[in-house]
PDB file of all heavy atoms in Angstrom:
ATOM      1  N   GLN A   1     144.709 209.658 218.405  1.00  0.00           N
ATOM      2  CA  GLN A   1     144.846 210.937 217.696  1.00  0.00           C
ATOM      3  C   GLN A   1     144.118 212.055 218.442  1.00  0.00           C
ATOM      4  O   GLN A   1     144.620 213.176 218.539  1.00  0.00           O
ATOM      5  CB  GLN A   1     144.283 210.822 216.270  1.00  0.00           C
ATOM      6  CG  GLN A   1     145.104 209.953 215.342  1.00  0.00           C
ATOM      7  CD  GLN A   1     144.471 209.857 213.960  1.00  0.00           C
ATOM      8  OE1 GLN A   1     143.257 209.664 213.833  1.00  0.00           O
ATOM      9  NE2 GLN A   1     145.278 209.984 212.929  1.00  0.00           N
ATOM     10  N   ILE A   2     142.940 211.728 218.973  1.00  0.00           N
ATOM     11  CA  ILE A   2     142.164 212.716 219.708  1.00  0.00           C
ATOM     12  C   ILE A   2     142.854 213.063 221.022  1.00  0.00           C
ATOM     13  O   ILE A   2     142.926 214.221 221.435  1.00  0.00           O
ATOM     14  CB  ILE A   2     140.726 212.188 219.965  1.00  0.00           C
ATOM     15  CG1 ILE A   2     140.032 211.862 218.642  1.00  0.00           C
ATOM     16  CG2 ILE A   2     139.907 213.212 220.760  1.00  0.00           C
ATOM     17  CD1 ILE A   2     138.801 211.013 218.778  1.00  0.00           C
ATOM     18  N   THR A   3     143.413 212.028 221.671  1.00  0.00           N
ATOM     19  CA  THR A   3     144.076 212.230 222.971  1.00  0.00           C
ATOM     20  C   THR A   3     145.344 213.062 222.830  1.00  0.00           C
ATOM     21  O   THR A   3     145.718 213.791 223.769  1.00  0.00           O
ATOM     22  CB  THR A   3     144.415 210.864 223.607  1.00  0.00           C
ATOM     23  OG1 THR A   3     143.214 210.104 223.679  1.00  0.00           O
ATOM     24  CG2 THR A   3     144.999 211.026 224.995  1.00  0.00           C
ATOM     25  N   ILE A   4     146.022 212.978 221.679  1.00  0.00           N
ATOM     26  CA  ILE A   4     147.257 213.766 221.463  1.00  0.00           C
ATOM     27  C   ILE A   4     146.981 215.259 221.679  1.00  0.00           C
ATOM     28  O   ILE A   4     147.814 215.969 222.253  1.00  0.00           O
ATOM     29  CB  ILE A   4     147.839 213.495 220.055  1.00  0.00           C
ATOM     30  CG1 ILE A   4     148.531 212.116 220.026  1.00  0.00           C
ATOM     31  CG2 ILE A   4     148.840 214.591 219.648  1.00  0.00           C
ATOM     32  CD1 ILE A   4     148.951 211.660 218.648  1.00  0.00           C
ATOM     33  N   ALA A   5     145.814 215.728 221.228  1.00  0.00           N
ATOM     34  CA  ALA A   5     145.472 217.146 221.398  1.00  0.00           C
ATOM     35  C   ALA A   5     145.453 217.522 222.873  1.00  0.00           C
ATOM     36  O   ALA A   5     145.961 218.575 223.275  1.00  0.00           O
ATOM     37  CB  ALA A   5     144.119 217.448 220.757  1.00  0.00           C
ATOM     38  N   PHE A   6     144.864 216.646 223.704  1.00  0.00           N
ATOM     39  CA  PHE A   6     144.791 216.900 225.145  1.00  0.00           C
ATOM     40  C   PHE A   6     146.183 216.861 225.760  1.00  0.00           C
ATOM     41  O   PHE A   6     146.526 217.685 226.622  1.00  0.00           O
ATOM     42  CB  PHE A   6     143.888 215.867 225.813  1.00  0.00           C
ATOM     43  CG  PHE A   6     143.700 216.093 227.295  1.00  0.00           C
ATOM     44  CD1 PHE A   6     142.924 217.139 227.760  1.00  0.00           C
ATOM     45  CD2 PHE A   6     144.311 215.259 228.221  1.00  0.00           C
ATOM     46  CE1 PHE A   6     142.750 217.350 229.126  1.00  0.00           C
ATOM     47  CE2 PHE A   6     144.144 215.468 229.587  1.00  0.00           C
ATOM     48  CZ  PHE A   6     143.356 216.521 230.035  1.00  0.00           C
ATOM     49  N   THR A   7     147.012 215.919 225.303  1.00  0.00           N
ATOM     50  CA  THR A   7     148.380 215.800 225.812  1.00  0.00           C
ATOM     51  C   THR A   7     149.187 217.065 225.496  1.00  0.00           C
ATOM     52  O   THR A   7     149.922 217.569 226.337  1.00  0.00           O
ATOM     53  CB  THR A   7     149.078 214.567 225.193  1.00  0.00           C
ATOM     54  OG1 THR A   7     148.283 213.411 225.436  1.00  0.00           O
ATOM     55  CG2 THR A   7     150.467 214.364 225.790  1.00  0.00           C
ATOM     56  N   ILE A   8     149.023 217.570 224.253  1.00  0.00           N
ATOM     57  CA  ILE A   8     149.715 218.812 223.864  1.00  0.00           C
ATOM     58  C   ILE A   8     149.257 219.961 224.747  1.00  0.00           C
ATOM     59  O   ILE A   8     150.070 220.739 225.261  1.00  0.00           O
ATOM     60  CB  ILE A   8     149.430 219.151 222.373  1.00  0.00           C
ATOM     61  CG1 ILE A   8     150.080 218.123 221.449  1.00  0.00           C
ATOM     62  CG2 ILE A   8     149.936 220.558 222.034  1.00  0.00           C
ATOM     63  CD1 ILE A   8     149.637 218.242 219.992  1.00  0.00           C
ATOM     64  N   MET A   9     147.932 220.064 224.951  1.00  0.00           N
ATOM     65  CA  MET A   9     147.383 221.148 225.750  1.00  0.00           C
ATOM     66  C   MET A   9     147.904 221.118 227.177  1.00  0.00           C
ATOM     67  O   MET A   9     148.360 222.152 227.706  1.00  0.00           O
ATOM     68  CB  MET A   9     145.852 221.069 225.761  1.00  0.00           C
ATOM     69  CG  MET A   9     145.178 222.125 226.630  1.00  0.00           C
ATOM     70  SD  MET A   9     143.387 222.125 226.459  1.00  0.00           S
ATOM     71  CE  MET A   9     142.997 220.504 227.080  1.00  0.00           C
ATOM     72  N   MET A  10     147.872 219.940 227.815  1.00  0.00           N
ATOM     73  CA  MET A  10     148.298 219.861 229.210  1.00  0.00           C
ATOM     74  C   MET A  10     149.813 220.067 229.343  1.00  0.00           C
ATOM     75  O   MET A  10     150.281 220.678 230.310  1.00  0.00           O
ATOM     76  CB  MET A  10     147.895 218.502 229.793  1.00  0.00           C
ATOM     77  CG  MET A  10     146.399 218.274 229.866  1.00  0.00           C
ATOM     78  SD  MET A  10     145.483 219.650 230.619  1.00  0.00           S
ATOM     79  CE  MET A  10     146.136 219.620 232.264  1.00  0.00           C
ATOM     80  N   GLY A  11     150.568 219.532 228.377  1.00  0.00           N
ATOM     81  CA  GLY A  11     152.016 219.725 228.394  1.00  0.00           C
ATOM     82  C   GLY A  11     152.380 221.178 228.265  1.00  0.00           C
ATOM     83  O   GLY A  11     153.236 221.712 228.979  1.00  0.00           O
ATOM     84  N   LEU A  12     151.703 221.884 227.336  1.00  0.00           N
ATOM     85  CA  LEU A  12     151.983 223.307 227.114  1.00  0.00           C
ATOM     86  C   LEU A  12     151.523 224.172 228.272  1.00  0.00           C
ATOM     87  O   LEU A  12     152.138 225.196 228.573  1.00  0.00           O
ATOM     88  CB  LEU A  12     151.299 223.774 225.833  1.00  0.00           C
ATOM     89  CG  LEU A  12     152.098 223.644 224.537  1.00  0.00           C
ATOM     90  CD1 LEU A  12     151.229 224.039 223.359  1.00  0.00           C
ATOM     91  CD2 LEU A  12     153.334 224.529 224.587  1.00  0.00           C
ATOM     92  N   ALA A  13     150.425 223.780 228.931  1.00  0.00           N
ATOM     93  CA  ALA A  13     149.857 224.600 229.998  1.00  0.00           C
ATOM     94  C   ALA A  13     150.885 224.863 231.087  1.00  0.00           C
ATOM     95  O   ALA A  13     151.110 226.005 231.487  1.00  0.00           O
ATOM     96  CB  ALA A  13     148.615 223.930 230.582  1.00  0.00           C
ATOM     97  N   GLY A  14     151.541 223.803 231.559  1.00  0.00           N
ATOM     98  CA  GLY A  14     152.532 223.973 232.613  1.00  0.00           C
ATOM     99  C   GLY A  14     153.780 224.692 232.141  1.00  0.00           C
ATOM    100  O   GLY A  14     154.274 225.604 232.814  1.00  0.00           O
ATOM    101  N   PHE A  15     154.286 224.307 230.981  1.00  0.00           N
ATOM    102  CA  PHE A  15     155.524 224.923 230.503  1.00  0.00           C
ATOM    103  C   PHE A  15     155.321 226.358 230.022  1.00  0.00           C
ATOM    104  O   PHE A  15     156.226 227.187 230.150  1.00  0.00           O
ATOM    105  CB  PHE A  15     156.146 224.059 229.384  1.00  0.00           C
ATOM    106  CG  PHE A  15     156.762 222.792 229.890  1.00  0.00           C
ATOM    107  CD1 PHE A  15     156.331 221.557 229.465  1.00  0.00           C
ATOM    108  CD2 PHE A  15     157.796 222.838 230.830  1.00  0.00           C
ATOM    109  CE1 PHE A  15     156.887 220.377 229.951  1.00  0.00           C
ATOM    110  CE2 PHE A  15     158.377 221.664 231.326  1.00  0.00           C
ATOM    111  CZ  PHE A  15     157.914 220.434 230.892  1.00  0.00           C
ATOM    112  N   SER A  16     154.128 226.671 229.472  1.00  0.00           N
ATOM    113  CA  SER A  16     153.894 228.061 229.057  1.00  0.00           C
ATOM    114  C   SER A  16     153.759 228.971 230.272  1.00  0.00           C
ATOM    115  O   SER A  16     154.109 230.145 230.217  1.00  0.00           O
ATOM    116  CB  SER A  16     152.644 228.164 228.172  1.00  0.00           C
ATOM    117  OG  SER A  16     151.457 227.868 228.889  1.00  0.00           O
ATOM    118  N   ALA A  17     153.246 228.411 231.390  1.00  0.00           N
ATOM    119  CA  ALA A  17     153.181 229.191 232.627  1.00  0.00           C
ATOM    120  C   ALA A  17     154.581 229.599 233.065  1.00  0.00           C
ATOM    121  O   ALA A  17     154.809 230.724 233.531  1.00  0.00           O
ATOM    122  CB  ALA A  17     152.496 228.379 233.727  1.00  0.00           C
ATOM    123  N   ALA A  18     155.543 228.690 232.899  1.00  0.00           N
ATOM    124  CA  ALA A  18     156.939 228.990 233.249  1.00  0.00           C
ATOM    125  C   ALA A  18     157.570 229.925 232.223  1.00  0.00           C
ATOM    126  O   ALA A  18     158.260 230.882 232.569  1.00  0.00           O
ATOM    127  CB  ALA A  18     157.741 227.691 233.347  1.00  0.00           C
ATOM    128  N   LEU A  19     157.301 229.655 230.951  1.00  0.00           N
ATOM    129  CA  LEU A  19     157.948 230.399 229.864  1.00  0.00           C
ATOM    130  C   LEU A  19     157.473 231.852 229.815  1.00  0.00           C
ATOM    131  O   LEU A  19     158.270 232.764 229.582  1.00  0.00           O
ATOM    132  CB  LEU A  19     157.623 229.710 228.528  1.00  0.00           C
ATOM    133  CG  LEU A  19     158.415 230.151 227.300  1.00  0.00           C
ATOM    134  CD1 LEU A  19     159.894 229.893 227.471  1.00  0.00           C
ATOM    135  CD2 LEU A  19     157.898 229.433 226.050  1.00  0.00           C
ATOM    136  N   PHE A  20     156.171 232.066 230.060  1.00  0.00           N
ATOM    137  CA  PHE A  20     155.614 233.416 229.921  1.00  0.00           C
ATOM    138  C   PHE A  20     155.341 234.112 231.257  1.00  0.00           C
ATOM    139  O   PHE A  20     154.711 235.173 231.280  1.00  0.00           O
ATOM    140  CB  PHE A  20     154.314 233.356 229.107  1.00  0.00           C
ATOM    141  CG  PHE A  20     154.518 232.843 227.703  1.00  0.00           C
ATOM    142  CD1 PHE A  20     153.989 231.626 227.305  1.00  0.00           C
ATOM    143  CD2 PHE A  20     155.283 233.552 226.788  1.00  0.00           C
ATOM    144  CE1 PHE A  20     154.168 231.137 226.024  1.00  0.00           C
ATOM    145  CE2 PHE A  20     155.488 233.076 225.506  1.00  0.00           C
ATOM    146  CZ  PHE A  20     154.934 231.858 225.119  1.00  0.00           C
ATOM    147  N   GLY A  21     155.821 233.493 232.366  1.00  0.00           N
ATOM    148  CA  GLY A  21     155.603 234.107 233.682  1.00  0.00           C
ATOM    149  C   GLY A  21     156.131 235.522 233.767  1.00  0.00           C
ATOM    150  O   GLY A  21     155.471 236.427 234.299  1.00  0.00           O
ATOM    151  N   GLY A  22     157.321 235.743 233.225  1.00  0.00           N
ATOM    152  CA  GLY A  22     157.920 237.088 233.255  1.00  0.00           C
ATOM    153  C   GLY A  22     157.123 238.077 232.428  1.00  0.00           C
ATOM    154  O   GLY A  22     156.944 239.239 232.828  1.00  0.00           O
ATOM    155  N   ILE A  23     156.628 237.638 231.260  1.00  0.00           N
ATOM    156  CA  ILE A  23     155.823 238.503 230.395  1.00  0.00           C
ATOM    157  C   ILE A  23     154.520 238.864 231.076  1.00  0.00           C
ATOM    158  O   ILE A  23     154.057 240.016 231.011  1.00  0.00           O
ATOM    159  CB  ILE A  23     155.576 237.813 229.034  1.00  0.00           C
ATOM    160  CG1 ILE A  23     156.915 237.610 228.308  1.00  0.00           C
ATOM    161  CG2 ILE A  23     154.607 238.624 228.172  1.00  0.00           C
ATOM    162  CD1 ILE A  23     156.815 236.760 227.059  1.00  0.00           C
ATOM    163  N   VAL A  24     153.910 237.868 231.771  1.00  0.00           N
ATOM    164  CA  VAL A  24     152.659 238.109 232.494  1.00  0.00           C
ATOM    165  C   VAL A  24     152.880 239.181 233.564  1.00  0.00           C
ATOM    166  O   VAL A  24     152.035 240.078 233.738  1.00  0.00           O
ATOM    167  CB  VAL A  24     152.134 236.798 233.140  1.00  0.00           C
ATOM    168  CG1 VAL A  24     151.025 237.074 234.134  1.00  0.00           C
ATOM    169  CG2 VAL A  24     151.637 235.846 232.055  1.00  0.00           C
ATOM    170  N   GLU A  25     154.005 239.103 234.274  1.00  0.00           N
ATOM    171  CA  GLU A  25     154.309 240.112 235.297  1.00  0.00           C
ATOM    172  C   GLU A  25     154.458 241.511 234.691  1.00  0.00           C
ATOM    173  O   GLU A  25     154.006 242.496 235.247  1.00  0.00           O
ATOM    174  CB  GLU A  25     155.607 239.733 236.045  1.00  0.00           C
ATOM    175  CG  GLU A  25     155.451 238.547 236.994  1.00  0.00           C
ATOM    176  CD  GLU A  25     154.725 238.899 238.275  1.00  0.00           C
ATOM    177  OE1 GLU A  25     154.656 240.082 238.622  1.00  0.00           O
ATOM    178  OE2 GLU A  25     154.227 237.972 238.931  1.00  0.00           O
TER     179      GLU A  25
END
């Protein structure tokens, strides 16, 4: 259960970089 939080965070980190790259620019 504790590890799931880390998995969510790492999964989102890469995909949010792709998803919000245009907004960041």
